[in-house]
C-alpha atoms as a PDB file:
ATOM      1  CA  MET A   1     -14.027 129.725  46.194  1.00  0.00           C
ATOM      2  CA  PRO A   2     -10.427 130.795  47.790  1.00  0.00           C
ATOM      3  CA  THR A   3      -9.458 134.363  46.838  1.00  0.00           C
ATOM      4  CA  LEU A   4      -6.689 135.476  44.888  1.00  0.00           C
ATOM      5  CA  ARG A   5      -4.256 135.492  47.766  1.00  0.00           C
ATOM      6  CA  ASN A   6      -4.996 132.054  49.153  1.00  0.00           C
ATOM      7  CA  GLN A   7      -4.676 130.821  45.786  1.00  0.00           C
ATOM      8  CA  GLU A   8      -1.234 132.168  45.429  1.00  0.00           C
ATOM      9  CA  LEU A   9      -0.626 130.843  48.913  1.00  0.00           C
ATOM     10  CA  ILE A  10      -1.457 127.497  47.791  1.00  0.00           C
ATOM     11  CA  GLU A  11       0.407 127.428  44.552  1.00  0.00           C
ATOM     12  CA  SER A  12       3.516 128.518  46.831  1.00  0.00           C
ATOM     13  CA  ILE A  13       3.053 125.359  48.919  1.00  0.00           C
ATOM     14  CA  ILE A  14       2.599 122.983  46.174  1.00  0.00           C
ATOM     15  CA  PHE A  15       5.855 124.369  44.569  1.00  0.00           C
ATOM     16  CA  LEU A  16       7.654 124.123  47.942  1.00  0.00           C
ATOM     17  CA  ILE A  17       6.868 120.445  48.365  1.00  0.00           C
ATOM     18  CA  THR A  18       7.499 119.799  44.522  1.00  0.00           C
ATOM     19  CA  LEU A  19      10.965 121.236  44.705  1.00  0.00           C
ATOM     20  CA  ASP A  20      11.474 119.374  48.227  1.00  0.00           C
ATOM     21  CA  ASN A  21      11.056 116.315  46.507  1.00  0.00           C
ATOM     22  CA  SER A  22      12.990 117.067  43.120  1.00  0.00           C
ATOM     23  CA  PRO A  23      15.588 114.783  41.763  1.00  0.00           C
ATOM     24  CA  ASP A  24      17.789 117.440  42.237  1.00  0.00           C
ATOM     25  CA  LYS A  25      17.460 117.722  45.802  1.00  0.00           C
ATOM     26  CA  GLY A  26      19.028 114.193  46.157  1.00  0.00           C
ATOM     27  CA  ARG A  27      21.438 114.650  43.674  1.00  0.00           C
ATOM     28  CA  LYS A  28      23.192 117.838  45.936  1.00  0.00           C
ATOM     29  CA  GLU A  29      23.125 115.722  48.875  1.00  0.00           C
ATOM     30  CA  THR A  30      24.994 113.250  47.352  1.00  0.00           C
ATOM     31  CA  GLU A  31      27.547 115.492  45.896  1.00  0.00           C
ATOM     32  CA  VAL A  32      31.079 113.885  46.725  1.00  0.00           C
ATOM     33  CA  GLN A  33      33.491 116.087  48.749  1.00  0.00           C
ATOM     34  CA  ILE A  34      37.051 115.580  48.931  1.00  0.00           C
ATOM     35  CA  SER A  35      38.537 116.330  52.525  1.00  0.00           C
ATOM     36  CA  ILE A  36      41.485 118.398  51.376  1.00  0.00           C
ATOM     37  CA  LYS A  37      41.633 120.651  54.679  1.00  0.00           C
ATOM     38  CA  ARG A  38      41.265 117.839  56.738  1.00  0.00           C
ATOM     39  CA  THR A  39      43.991 115.442  54.959  1.00  0.00           C
ATOM     40  CA  ILE A  40      46.499 118.628  55.300  1.00  0.00           C
ATOM     41  CA  GLU A  41      45.622 118.956  58.849  1.00  0.00           C
ATOM     42  CA  ARG A  42      46.828 115.330  59.806  1.00  0.00           C
ATOM     43  CA  VAL A  43      50.455 116.333  58.876  1.00  0.00           C
ATOM     44  CA  PRO A  44      51.960 117.844  61.801  1.00  0.00           C
ATOM     45  CA  GLY A  45      51.957 121.541  61.069  1.00  0.00           C
ATOM     46  CA  GLY A  46      50.604 120.597  57.531  1.00  0.00           C
ATOM     47  CA  MET A  47      48.848 124.243  56.717  1.00  0.00           C
ATOM     48  CA  MET A  48      52.557 125.319  56.883  1.00  0.00           C
ATOM     49  CA  ILE A  49      54.557 122.335  55.642  1.00  0.00           C
ATOM     50  CA  VAL A  50      52.082 121.108  52.753  1.00  0.00           C
ATOM     51  CA  PRO A  51      51.957 124.611  50.977  1.00  0.00           C
ATOM     52  CA  LEU A  52      55.627 125.162  51.734  1.00  0.00           C
ATOM     53  CA  LEU A  53      56.582 121.701  49.854  1.00  0.00           C
ATOM     54  CA  ILE A  54      54.246 122.913  46.929  1.00  0.00           C
ATOM     55  CA  GLY A  55      56.235 126.129  46.264  1.00  0.00           C
ATOM     56  CA  SER A  56      59.230 124.264  46.512  1.00  0.00           C
ATOM     57  CA  LEU A  57      58.325 121.821  44.208  1.00  0.00           C
ATOM     58  CA  VAL A  58      57.353 124.418  41.679  1.00  0.00           C
ATOM     59  CA  ALA A  59      60.478 126.105  42.420  1.00  0.00           C
ATOM     60  CA  THR A  60      62.597 123.168  41.613  1.00  0.00           C
ATOM     61  CA  PHE A  61      60.866 121.520  38.524  1.00  0.00           C
ATOM     62  CA  ALA A  62      58.979 124.744  36.968  1.00  0.00           C
ATOM     63  CA  PRO A  63      60.938 127.698  38.391  1.00  0.00           C
ATOM     64  CA  ASP A  64      60.017 130.001  35.347  1.00  0.00           C
ATOM     65  CA  THR A  65      55.767 129.458  36.166  1.00  0.00           C
ATOM     66  CA  PRO A  66      55.775 132.539  38.275  1.00  0.00           C
ATOM     67  CA  LYS A  67      57.193 134.865  35.518  1.00  0.00           C
ATOM     68  CA  PHE A  68      55.287 132.694  32.990  1.00  0.00           C
ATOM     69  CA  PHE A  69      51.995 133.665  34.196  1.00  0.00           C
ATOM     70  CA  GLY A  70      52.669 136.853  36.153  1.00  0.00           C
ATOM     71  CA  SER A  71      50.067 139.194  37.621  1.00  0.00           C
ATOM     72  CA  PHE A  72      48.013 137.628  40.660  1.00  0.00           C
ATOM     73  CA  THR A  73      49.209 133.922  40.094  1.00  0.00           C
ATOM     74  CA  GLY A  74      52.969 135.381  40.153  1.00  0.00           C
ATOM     75  CA  ALA A  75      52.378 137.491  43.215  1.00  0.00           C
ATOM     76  CA  LEU A  76      51.180 134.272  44.849  1.00  0.00           C
ATOM     77  CA  PHE A  77      54.378 132.607  44.536  1.00  0.00           C
ATOM     78  CA  THR A  78      56.490 136.185  45.168  1.00  0.00           C
ATOM     79  CA  GLY A  79      54.570 138.139  47.318  1.00  0.00           C
ATOM     80  CA  ALA A  80      55.350 136.619  51.255  1.00  0.00           C
ATOM     81  CA  LEU A  81      56.147 139.811  52.765  1.00  0.00           C
ATOM     82  CA  PRO A  82      52.984 141.796  52.295  1.00  0.00           C
ATOM     83  CA  VAL A  83      50.808 138.574  53.305  1.00  0.00           C
ATOM     84  CA  LEU A  84      53.267 138.142  56.354  1.00  0.00           C
ATOM     85  CA  ALA A  85      52.960 141.953  57.606  1.00  0.00           C
ATOM     86  CA  VAL A  86      48.868 141.399  57.512  1.00  0.00           C
ATOM     87  CA  PHE A  87      49.647 137.971  59.110  1.00  0.00           C
ATOM     88  CA  TYR A  88      51.401 139.848  62.362  1.00  0.00           C
ATOM     89  CA  VAL A  89      48.558 142.656  62.386  1.00  0.00           C
ATOM     90  CA  CYS A  90      45.763 139.695  62.979  1.00  0.00           C
ATOM     91  CA  MET A  91      48.191 137.723  65.317  1.00  0.00           C
ATOM     92  CA  GLY A  92      48.589 141.055  67.396  1.00  0.00           C
ATOM     93  CA  ALA A  93      44.752 141.479  67.596  1.00  0.00           C
ATOM     94  CA  SER A  94      44.498 138.340  69.368  1.00  0.00           C
ATOM     95  CA  ILE A  95      46.968 139.440  72.213  1.00  0.00           C
ATOM     96  CA  ASN A  96      44.958 140.487  75.197  1.00  0.00           C
ATOM     97  CA  VAL A  97      47.031 143.132  77.278  1.00  0.00           C
ATOM     98  CA  LYS A  98      44.517 142.920  80.047  1.00  0.00           C
ATOM     99  CA  ALA A  99      45.908 139.533  81.293  1.00  0.00           C
ATOM    100  CA  THR A 100      45.545 138.090  84.902  1.00  0.00           C
ATOM    101  CA  PRO A 101      48.262 138.139  87.107  1.00  0.00           C
ATOM    102  CA  TYR A 102      48.428 134.369  87.105  1.00  0.00           C
ATOM    103  CA  ILE A 103      48.714 134.353  83.416  1.00  0.00           C
ATOM    104  CA  LEU A 104      51.125 137.353  83.390  1.00  0.00           C
ATOM    105  CA  LYS A 105      53.539 135.245  85.783  1.00  0.00           C
ATOM    106  CA  LYS A 106      52.955 131.934  83.723  1.00  0.00           C
ATOM    107  CA  GLY A 107      53.466 133.394  80.223  1.00  0.00           C
ATOM    108  CA  GLY A 108      56.209 135.961  81.243  1.00  0.00           C
ATOM    109  CA  ALA A 109      58.417 133.288  82.577  1.00  0.00           C
ATOM    110  CA  LEU A 110      57.852 130.901  79.970  1.00  0.00           C
ATOM    111  CA  LEU A 111      58.264 133.604  77.202  1.00  0.00           C
ATOM    112  CA  ALA A 112      61.537 135.010  79.447  1.00  0.00           C
ATOM    113  CA  THR A 113      63.128 131.367  79.217  1.00  0.00           C
ATOM    114  CA  LYS A 114      62.379 130.510  75.880  1.00  0.00           C
ATOM    115  CA  VAL A 115      64.022 134.027  74.501  1.00  0.00           C
ATOM    116  CA  GLY A 116      66.694 133.630  76.998  1.00  0.00           C
ATOM    117  CA  THR A 117      67.664 130.131  75.623  1.00  0.00           C
ATOM    118  CA  ALA A 118      67.899 131.235  72.223  1.00  0.00           C
ATOM    119  CA  ILE A 119      69.934 134.247  73.150  1.00  0.00           C
ATOM    120  CA  LEU A 120      72.513 132.156  75.102  1.00  0.00           C
ATOM    121  CA  LEU A 121      72.511 129.889  72.291  1.00  0.00           C
ATOM    122  CA  GLY A 122      73.149 132.742  69.422  1.00  0.00           C
ATOM    123  CA  VAL A 123      76.095 134.152  71.803  1.00  0.00           C
ATOM    124  CA  ILE A 124      77.454 130.800  71.562  1.00  0.00           C
ATOM    125  CA  LEU A 125      77.041 129.894  67.768  1.00  0.00           C
ATOM    126  CA  GLY A 126      77.520 133.398  67.118  1.00  0.00           C
ATOM    127  CA  HIS A 127      81.148 133.277  68.436  1.00  0.00           C
ATOM    128  CA  PHE A 128      81.858 130.001  66.493  1.00  0.00           C
ATOM    129  CA  LEU A 129      79.811 130.692  63.278  1.00  0.00           C
ATOM    130  CA  GLY A 130      79.239 134.426  62.679  1.00  0.00           C
ATOM    131  CA  GLU A 131      76.221 134.940  60.321  1.00  0.00           C
ATOM    132  CA  ALA A 132      77.259 132.328  57.548  1.00  0.00           C
ATOM    133  CA  PRO A 133      76.034 128.719  57.698  1.00  0.00           C
ATOM    134  CA  VAL A 134      78.329 125.860  57.960  1.00  0.00           C
ATOM    135  CA  SER A 135      79.884 125.489  54.057  1.00  0.00           C
ATOM    136  CA  GLY A 136      80.352 121.535  54.477  1.00  0.00           C
ATOM    137  CA  GLY A 137      80.158 118.054  56.029  1.00  0.00           C
ATOM    138  CA  MET A 138      77.160 116.782  58.321  1.00  0.00           C
ATOM    139  CA  PHE A 139      76.229 120.176  59.433  1.00  0.00           C
ATOM    140  CA  ALA A 140      76.368 121.994  55.968  1.00  0.00           C
ATOM    141  CA  GLY A 141      73.628 124.629  56.311  1.00  0.00           C
ATOM    142  CA  LEU A 142      73.199 124.770  60.058  1.00  0.00           C
ATOM    143  CA  SER A 143      73.676 128.396  60.969  1.00  0.00           C
ATOM    144  CA  THR A 144      73.076 130.538  64.124  1.00  0.00           C
ATOM    145  CA  LEU A 145      69.882 132.050  62.337  1.00  0.00           C
ATOM    146  CA  ALA A 146      68.401 128.915  62.093  1.00  0.00           C
ATOM    147  CA  VAL A 147      68.873 127.962  65.664  1.00  0.00           C
ATOM    148  CA  VAL A 148      67.720 131.204  66.889  1.00  0.00           C
ATOM    149  CA  ALA A 149      64.542 131.192  64.536  1.00  0.00           C
ATOM    150  CA  ALA A 150      63.813 127.560  65.745  1.00  0.00           C
ATOM    151  CA  MET A 151      64.254 128.187  69.211  1.00  0.00           C
ATOM    152  CA  ASN A 152      62.462 131.535  69.731  1.00  0.00           C
ATOM    153  CA  ASP A 153      59.163 130.961  68.704  1.00  0.00           C
ATOM    154  CA  THR A 154      56.402 128.528  70.330  1.00  0.00           C
ATOM    155  CA  ASN A 155      53.697 126.702  68.325  1.00  0.00           C
ATOM    156  CA  GLY A 156      50.651 128.479  69.922  1.00  0.00           C
ATOM    157  CA  GLY A 157      47.828 126.083  68.440  1.00  0.00           C
ATOM    158  CA  LEU A 158      49.865 122.996  69.854  1.00  0.00           C
ATOM    159  CA  TYR A 159      50.370 124.429  73.239  1.00  0.00           C
ATOM    160  CA  MET A 160      47.243 125.737  73.907  1.00  0.00           C
ATOM    161  CA  ALA A 161      45.911 121.999  72.769  1.00  0.00           C
ATOM    162  CA  LEU A 162      48.148 120.457  75.200  1.00  0.00           C
ATOM    163  CA  MET A 163      47.231 122.699  77.942  1.00  0.00           C
ATOM    164  CA  GLY A 164      43.369 122.398  77.367  1.00  0.00           C
ATOM    165  CA  GLN A 165      43.799 118.735  77.898  1.00  0.00           C
ATOM    166  CA  TYR A 166      46.785 118.588  80.720  1.00  0.00           C
ATOM    167  CA  GLY A 167      46.231 122.250  82.103  1.00  0.00           C
ATOM    168  CA  ARG A 168      44.063 124.953  83.499  1.00  0.00           C
ATOM    169  CA  PRO A 169      42.282 127.279  81.492  1.00  0.00           C
ATOM    170  CA  GLU A 170      44.689 130.121  82.654  1.00  0.00           C
ATOM    171  CA  ASP A 171      47.486 128.056  81.276  1.00  0.00           C
ATOM    172  CA  VAL A 172      45.667 128.211  77.917  1.00  0.00           C
ATOM    173  CA  GLY A 173      45.727 131.966  78.294  1.00  0.00           C
ATOM    174  CA  ALA A 174      49.421 132.342  79.023  1.00  0.00           C
ATOM    175  CA  TYR A 175      49.917 132.193  75.483  1.00  0.00           C
ATOM    176  CA  SER A 176      48.478 135.542  75.125  1.00  0.00           C
ATOM    177  CA  VAL A 177      51.618 136.821  76.852  1.00  0.00           C
ATOM    178  CA  MET A 178      54.038 134.283  75.096  1.00  0.00           C
ATOM    179  CA  SER A 179      52.542 135.263  71.555  1.00  0.00           C
ATOM    180  CA  LEU A 180      54.953 138.085  71.687  1.00  0.00           C
ATOM    181  CA  GLU A 181      57.450 135.994  70.231  1.00  0.00           C
ATOM    182  CA  SER A 182      55.991 135.933  67.240  1.00  0.00           C
ATOM    183  CA  GLY A 183      57.773 137.763  64.139  1.00  0.00           C
ATOM    184  CA  PRO A 184      61.229 138.665  63.355  1.00  0.00           C
ATOM    185  CA  PHE A 185      61.519 141.074  66.025  1.00  0.00           C
ATOM    186  CA  LEU A 186      63.193 139.110  68.891  1.00  0.00           C
ATOM    187  CA  THR A 187      65.341 137.401  66.506  1.00  0.00           C
ATOM    188  CA  MET A 188      66.742 140.333  65.360  1.00  0.00           C
ATOM    189  CA  VAL A 189      67.475 141.517  68.870  1.00  0.00           C
ATOM    190  CA  THR A 190      68.766 138.086  69.786  1.00  0.00           C
ATOM    191  CA  LEU A 191      71.333 138.241  66.896  1.00  0.00           C
ATOM    192  CA  GLY A 192      72.196 141.652  68.008  1.00  0.00           C
ATOM    193  CA  VAL A 193      72.842 140.637  71.593  1.00  0.00           C
ATOM    194  CA  ALA A 194      75.023 137.592  69.968  1.00  0.00           C
ATOM    195  CA  GLY A 195      77.336 140.046  68.804  1.00  0.00           C
ATOM    196  CA  LEU A 196      76.284 139.415  65.144  1.00  0.00           C
ATOM    197  CA  SER A 197      75.469 142.169  62.372  1.00  0.00           C
ATOM    198  CA  ALA A 198      72.921 144.443  63.989  1.00  0.00           C
ATOM    199  CA  PHE A 199      69.963 145.926  62.708  1.00  0.00           C
ATOM    200  CA  PRO A 200      69.125 150.057  62.359  1.00  0.00           C
ATOM    201  CA  TRP A 201      66.448 151.034  64.828  1.00  0.00           C
ATOM    202  CA  PRO A 202      63.711 151.992  62.066  1.00  0.00           C
ATOM    203  CA  THR A 203      64.069 148.278  60.819  1.00  0.00           C
ATOM    204  CA  LEU A 204      64.109 146.832  64.567  1.00  0.00           C
ATOM    205  CA  VAL A 205      60.804 149.106  65.096  1.00  0.00           C
ATOM    206  CA  GLY A 206      59.270 148.257  61.420  1.00  0.00           C
ATOM    207  CA  SER A 207      59.320 144.608  62.362  1.00  0.00           C
ATOM    208  CA  ILE A 208      57.395 144.661  65.503  1.00  0.00           C
ATOM    209  CA  LEU A 209      55.004 147.861  64.300  1.00  0.00           C
ATOM    210  CA  PRO A 210      52.548 145.635  62.686  1.00  0.00           C
ATOM    211  CA  LEU A 211      51.839 143.365  65.906  1.00  0.00           C
ATOM    212  CA  LEU A 212      51.652 146.623  68.150  1.00  0.00           C
ATOM    213  CA  LEU A 213      48.979 148.000  65.469  1.00  0.00           C
ATOM    214  CA  GLY A 214      47.059 144.714  65.958  1.00  0.00           C
ATOM    215  CA  MET A 215      47.404 144.512  69.649  1.00  0.00           C
ATOM    216  CA  LEU A 216      46.091 148.284  69.790  1.00  0.00           C
ATOM    217  CA  LEU A 217      42.951 147.243  67.345  1.00  0.00           C
ATOM    218  CA  GLY A 218      42.243 144.143  69.208  1.00  0.00           C
ATOM    219  CA  ASN A 219      42.329 145.931  72.832  1.00  0.00           C
ATOM    220  CA  LEU A 220      40.453 148.803  71.591  1.00  0.00           C
ATOM    221  CA  ASP A 221      37.609 146.816  70.163  1.00  0.00           C
ATOM    222  CA  ARG A 222      36.613 143.176  70.887  1.00  0.00           C
ATOM    223  CA  GLU A 223      34.650 142.701  67.523  1.00  0.00           C
ATOM    224  CA  MET A 224      38.104 143.939  65.737  1.00  0.00           C
ATOM    225  CA  ARG A 225      40.173 141.292  67.800  1.00  0.00           C
ATOM    226  CA  ASP A 226      37.611 138.620  66.895  1.00  0.00           C
ATOM    227  CA  PHE A 227      37.322 139.877  63.003  1.00  0.00           C
ATOM    228  CA  LEU A 228      41.156 140.031  62.709  1.00  0.00           C
ATOM    229  CA  GLY A 229      42.083 136.869  64.624  1.00  0.00           C
ATOM    230  CA  ARG A 230      40.034 134.632  62.467  1.00  0.00           C
ATOM    231  CA  ALA A 231      42.352 135.620  59.760  1.00  0.00           C
ATOM    232  CA  VAL A 232      45.399 134.284  61.355  1.00  0.00           C
ATOM    233  CA  PRO A 233      44.706 130.897  60.231  1.00  0.00           C
ATOM    234  CA  VAL A 234      44.047 131.718  56.821  1.00  0.00           C
ATOM    235  CA  MET A 235      47.218 133.301  56.122  1.00  0.00           C
ATOM    236  CA  ILE A 236      49.494 130.538  57.138  1.00  0.00           C
ATOM    237  CA  PRO A 237      49.361 128.420  53.635  1.00  0.00           C
ATOM    238  CA  PHE A 238      49.924 131.504  51.487  1.00  0.00           C
ATOM    239  CA  PHE A 239      52.954 132.852  52.666  1.00  0.00           C
ATOM    240  CA  ALA A 240      54.399 129.439  52.931  1.00  0.00           C
ATOM    241  CA  LEU A 241      53.249 128.790  49.710  1.00  0.00           C
ATOM    242  CA  ALA A 242      55.623 132.027  48.813  1.00  0.00           C
ATOM    243  CA  LEU A 243      58.301 130.929  50.738  1.00  0.00           C
ATOM    244  CA  GLY A 244      58.314 127.645  49.343  1.00  0.00           C
ATOM    245  CA  ALA A 245      58.836 129.141  45.988  1.00  0.00           C
ATOM    246  CA  GLY A 246      62.254 130.305  46.995  1.00  0.00           C
ATOM    247  CA  LEU A 247      63.833 127.231  48.239  1.00  0.00           C
ATOM    248  CA  ASP A 248      65.596 124.331  46.156  1.00  0.00           C
ATOM    249  CA  LEU A 249      64.568 120.974  47.085  1.00  0.00           C
ATOM    250  CA  HIS A 250      67.721 119.376  45.947  1.00  0.00           C
ATOM    251  CA  LYS A 251      69.023 120.483  49.122  1.00  0.00           C
ATOM    252  CA  VAL A 252      65.793 119.376  51.236  1.00  0.00           C
ATOM    253  CA  TRP A 253      67.428 115.944  51.932  1.00  0.00           C
ATOM    254  CA  GLN A 254      70.545 117.131  53.465  1.00  0.00           C
ATOM    255  CA  ALA A 255      68.649 120.073  55.611  1.00  0.00           C
ATOM    256  CA  GLY A 256      65.736 117.433  56.372  1.00  0.00           C
ATOM    257  CA  MET A 257      67.780 115.356  58.434  1.00  0.00           C
ATOM    258  CA  LEU A 258      69.821 118.284  59.993  1.00  0.00           C
ATOM    259  CA  GLY A 259      66.267 119.299  60.764  1.00  0.00           C
ATOM    260  CA  VAL A 260      65.179 116.586  62.540  1.00  0.00           C
ATOM    261  CA  GLY A 261      68.357 116.603  64.622  1.00  0.00           C
ATOM    262  CA  LEU A 262      67.707 120.454  65.156  1.00  0.00           C
ATOM    263  CA  GLY A 263      64.117 119.620  65.866  1.00  0.00           C
ATOM    264  CA  VAL A 264      64.919 116.969  68.815  1.00  0.00           C
ATOM    265  CA  ALA A 265      67.528 119.879  70.214  1.00  0.00           C
ATOM    266  CA  VAL A 266      64.672 122.284  70.446  1.00  0.00           C
ATOM    267  CA  VAL A 267      62.477 119.794  72.554  1.00  0.00           C
ATOM    268  CA  VAL A 268      65.527 118.679  74.805  1.00  0.00           C
ATOM    269  CA  ILE A 269      67.142 121.900  75.230  1.00  0.00           C
ATOM    270  CA  THR A 270      64.039 124.126  75.294  1.00  0.00           C
ATOM    271  CA  GLY A 271      62.201 121.599  77.260  1.00  0.00           C
ATOM    272  CA  VAL A 272      64.543 121.288  79.787  1.00  0.00           C
ATOM    273  CA  MET A 273      64.980 125.259  80.595  1.00  0.00           C
ATOM    274  CA  LEU A 274      61.197 125.628  80.386  1.00  0.00           C
ATOM    275  CA  TYR A 275      60.461 122.731  82.857  1.00  0.00           C
ATOM    276  CA  THR A 276      62.850 124.129  85.198  1.00  0.00           C
ATOM    277  CA  VAL A 277      61.443 127.534  85.312  1.00  0.00           C
ATOM    278  CA  ASP A 278      57.829 126.165  85.179  1.00  0.00           C
ATOM    279  CA  ARG A 279      58.499 123.941  88.384  1.00  0.00           C
ATOM    280  CA  LEU A 280      60.486 126.903  90.240  1.00  0.00           C
ATOM    281  CA  THR A 281      57.401 129.429  89.565  1.00  0.00           C
ATOM    282  CA  GLY A 282      55.142 127.092  91.035  1.00  0.00           C
ATOM    283  CA  GLY A 283      54.015 125.146  88.423  1.00  0.00           C
ATOM    284  CA  THR A 284      54.133 121.067  87.594  1.00  0.00           C
ATOM    285  CA  GLY A 285      56.410 121.617  84.477  1.00  0.00           C
ATOM    286  CA  VAL A 286      54.026 120.512  82.428  1.00  0.00           C
ATOM    287  CA  ALA A 287      53.377 123.794  80.906  1.00  0.00           C
ATOM    288  CA  GLY A 288      56.734 124.481  80.172  1.00  0.00           C
ATOM    289  CA  VAL A 289      57.384 121.046  78.342  1.00  0.00           C
ATOM    290  CA  ALA A 290      54.206 121.885  76.181  1.00  0.00           C
ATOM    291  CA  ALA A 291      56.280 125.221  74.885  1.00  0.00           C
ATOM    292  CA  ALA A 292      58.959 123.137  73.598  1.00  0.00           C
ATOM    293  CA  SER A 293      58.165 123.475  70.141  1.00  0.00           C
ATOM    294  CA  THR A 294      58.745 125.479  66.931  1.00  0.00           C
ATOM    295  CA  ALA A 295      56.032 127.675  65.333  1.00  0.00           C
ATOM    296  CA  GLY A 296      54.743 127.167  62.045  1.00  0.00           C
ATOM    297  CA  ASN A 297      55.180 130.727  61.118  1.00  0.00           C
ATOM    298  CA  ALA A 298      58.945 130.922  62.479  1.00  0.00           C
ATOM    299  CA  ALA A 299      59.975 129.291  59.314  1.00  0.00           C
ATOM    300  CA  ALA A 300      58.907 132.924  57.783  1.00  0.00           C
ATOM    301  CA  VAL A 301      61.571 134.545  60.266  1.00  0.00           C
ATOM    302  CA  PRO A 302      64.752 133.717  58.257  1.00  0.00           C
ATOM    303  CA  THR A 303      63.408 135.501  55.081  1.00  0.00           C
ATOM    304  CA  LEU A 304      62.116 138.263  56.814  1.00  0.00           C
ATOM    305  CA  ILE A 305      65.792 138.651  58.645  1.00  0.00           C
ATOM    306  CA  ALA A 306      67.516 138.464  55.423  1.00  0.00           C
ATOM    307  CA  ALA A 307      65.273 141.207  53.560  1.00  0.00           C
ATOM    308  CA  ALA A 308      66.052 143.213  56.376  1.00  0.00           C
ATOM    309  CA  ASN A 309      69.865 142.549  56.578  1.00  0.00           C
ATOM    310  CA  PRO A 310      71.368 141.074  53.496  1.00  0.00           C
ATOM    311  CA  VAL A 311      74.522 139.624  55.534  1.00  0.00           C
ATOM    312  CA  TYR A 312      72.094 136.955  56.295  1.00  0.00           C
ATOM    313  CA  ALA A 313      70.871 135.994  53.164  1.00  0.00           C
ATOM    314  CA  ASP A 314      73.147 133.139  52.347  1.00  0.00           C
ATOM    315  CA  ALA A 315      72.009 131.401  55.862  1.00  0.00           C
ATOM    316  CA  ALA A 316      68.454 132.286  55.365  1.00  0.00           C
ATOM    317  CA  LYS A 317      67.512 129.508  52.643  1.00  0.00           C
ATOM    318  CA  SER A 318      68.758 126.665  54.530  1.00  0.00           C
ATOM    319  CA  ALA A 319      67.613 128.256  57.695  1.00  0.00           C
ATOM    320  CA  THR A 320      64.180 128.056  56.347  1.00  0.00           C
ATOM    321  CA  LEU A 321      64.097 124.484  55.458  1.00  0.00           C
ATOM    322  CA  LEU A 322      65.661 123.650  58.847  1.00  0.00           C
ATOM    323  CA  VAL A 323      63.073 125.456  60.640  1.00  0.00           C
ATOM    324  CA  ALA A 324      60.398 123.743  58.762  1.00  0.00           C
ATOM    325  CA  ALA A 325      61.621 120.478  59.447  1.00  0.00           C
ATOM    326  CA  CYS A 326      61.513 121.613  63.397  1.00  0.00           C
ATOM    327  CA  VAL A 327      57.836 122.336  63.078  1.00  0.00           C
ATOM    328  CA  VAL A 328      57.099 118.591  61.941  1.00  0.00           C
ATOM    329  CA  VAL A 329      59.579 117.244  64.471  1.00  0.00           C
ATOM    330  CA  THR A 330      58.637 119.295  67.513  1.00  0.00           C
ATOM    331  CA  ALA A 331      54.855 118.825  66.666  1.00  0.00           C
ATOM    332  CA  ILE A 332      55.248 115.134  66.880  1.00  0.00           C
ATOM    333  CA  LEU A 333      57.669 114.948  69.895  1.00  0.00           C
ATOM    334  CA  THR A 334      56.240 117.647  72.148  1.00  0.00           C
ATOM    335  CA  PRO A 335      52.772 115.909  72.806  1.00  0.00           C
ATOM    336  CA  LEU A 336      54.624 112.856  73.398  1.00  0.00           C
ATOM    337  CA  VAL A 337      56.831 114.270  76.020  1.00  0.00           C
ATOM    338  CA  THR A 338      54.104 116.802  77.492  1.00  0.00           C
ATOM    339  CA  ALA A 339      51.504 113.459  78.079  1.00  0.00           C
ATOM    340  CA  TRP A 340      54.643 111.574  79.763  1.00  0.00           C
ATOM    341  CA  VAL A 341      55.515 114.296  81.931  1.00  0.00           C
ATOM    342  CA  ALA A 342      51.526 114.834  83.026  1.00  0.00           C
ATOM    343  CA  ARG A 343      51.329 111.113  84.160  1.00  0.00           C
ATOM    344  CA  ARG A 344      54.283 111.638  86.176  1.00  0.00           C
ATOM    345  CA  VAL A 345      52.835 114.766  88.134  1.00  0.00           C
ATOM    346  CA  ALA A 346      49.522 113.434  88.206  1.00  0.00           C
ATOM    347  CA  PRO A 347      49.587 111.276  91.112  1.00  0.00           C
ATOM    348  CA  MET A 348      51.508 113.774  93.059  1.00  0.00           C
ATOM    349  CA  LEU A 349      48.380 116.059  92.644  1.00  0.00           C
ATOM    350  CA  GLY A 350      46.040 113.080  93.297  1.00  0.00           C
ATOM    351  CA  GLN A 351      44.606 113.154  89.771  1.00  0.00           C
ATOM    352  CA  PRO A 352      43.928 110.546  87.310  1.00  0.00           C
ATOM    353  CA  ALA A 353      46.997 110.214  84.538  1.00  0.00           C
ATOM    354  CA  GLU A 354      44.844 111.896  81.937  1.00  0.00           C
ATOM    355  CA  GLY A 355      43.547 114.677  84.311  1.00  0.00           C
ATOM    356  CA  HIS A 356      44.406 118.211  84.645  1.00  0.00           C
ATOM    357  CA  ALA A 357      47.724 119.051  85.713  1.00  0.00           C
ATOM    358  CA  SER A 358      48.609 122.888  86.171  1.00  0.00           C
END
C-alpha cells in the first residue's frame, strides 16, 4: 500500500504524461508564425526604412490620425526627440574608452577622415547654398545639411559585419571609436565650421550629453553597458516611425532619385578618402571602404538640427528623405565595393579571396 506522499507523486507523474500527450500540445507546436522581423531585415536598413515609410504613409493619407487617437498612440507619431535622447544614452554605453592602441589608431583615423570629408564638403556647399535647400530643378531639396548628415555617420552594423568577414577582430573593435559620430553634435560643429548659422554652446553641449552620460555608465559598469547596449536596435523603428510621420510622400519620388545619387556620392567620395587614409596608416584599405556608408540613425539628424536651430527647418524635411535613401543605397553598394577591394588585396597578403584582410 503506497503512502500518501507516494500516491501524490504517482498522480503527478500521470498528470504530466497526460498533459504531454494532450491535443493542446500538438496544436501549440503547429501555431503559425509570421516572420515579420526577418522580412523587414531583408530590406537594407529595414528597421529604419520600413517604419519611416509607414509613418510617411500615415502622414500623407491619414494626417489627422495621431490627433484623433491622441494619448500614447499620438505620442508614437510625434515623440521622436525623447526616443532619440534615450537612444543616444544607450549608444554611448556601448562605447568602450579602454580601447587598444590599434583600435584607437584605426578608429581614430577613420573617424577623422569621415568627419573631415563632411567638413570639406560642408564648407564648399555652404558657400554656394547657405542653409536653405535648392528650390528648383533636378537638385531640388538638396542642401548642405543633407550632404553633411549623410557623410558624417557610418553604418556601424554594416561595418562590423564586413570587418568580421574581411578584417580582424581589432578592425571590428575600431567602431567603438567611430561611434562618436553618432548624434547631431558633429553635424552641428561641421555646419558651424562651414560658416553657416551656428548653435549656442548650451545646445552643442546638450546634443552630446546623452552620449557622454551613456559612455560614463557603460564604462563604470559593464553590466550597465550590456543592459543599455541591447536597447539600441529596439529604439530604431520607434523613432523612425515618428520621423516618417513628418514626411510628405508626394515629395518622395523626387527626393528618392536625388537620394540615390547622394548615396552613390557617399560611397565614392568617402570611400576614396577612407581607403587612402587606411592605406597610409598601415591598413589594406578594406576597413576604409567598409566605413563608406550612412547610418540608419543619421536620418534623424536633420530633425534634431532643425529643432536646435529653426533656420534649418526648410532643409530638414527633404534632408531626412535624402539621408534615408542614402542608408538604403550605401547598404547595397558598400558590401559590394568592400568585397571587391578585399579580393584585390587578398593575393598581396597570400590569403584566399574570401579570407581576412586587415
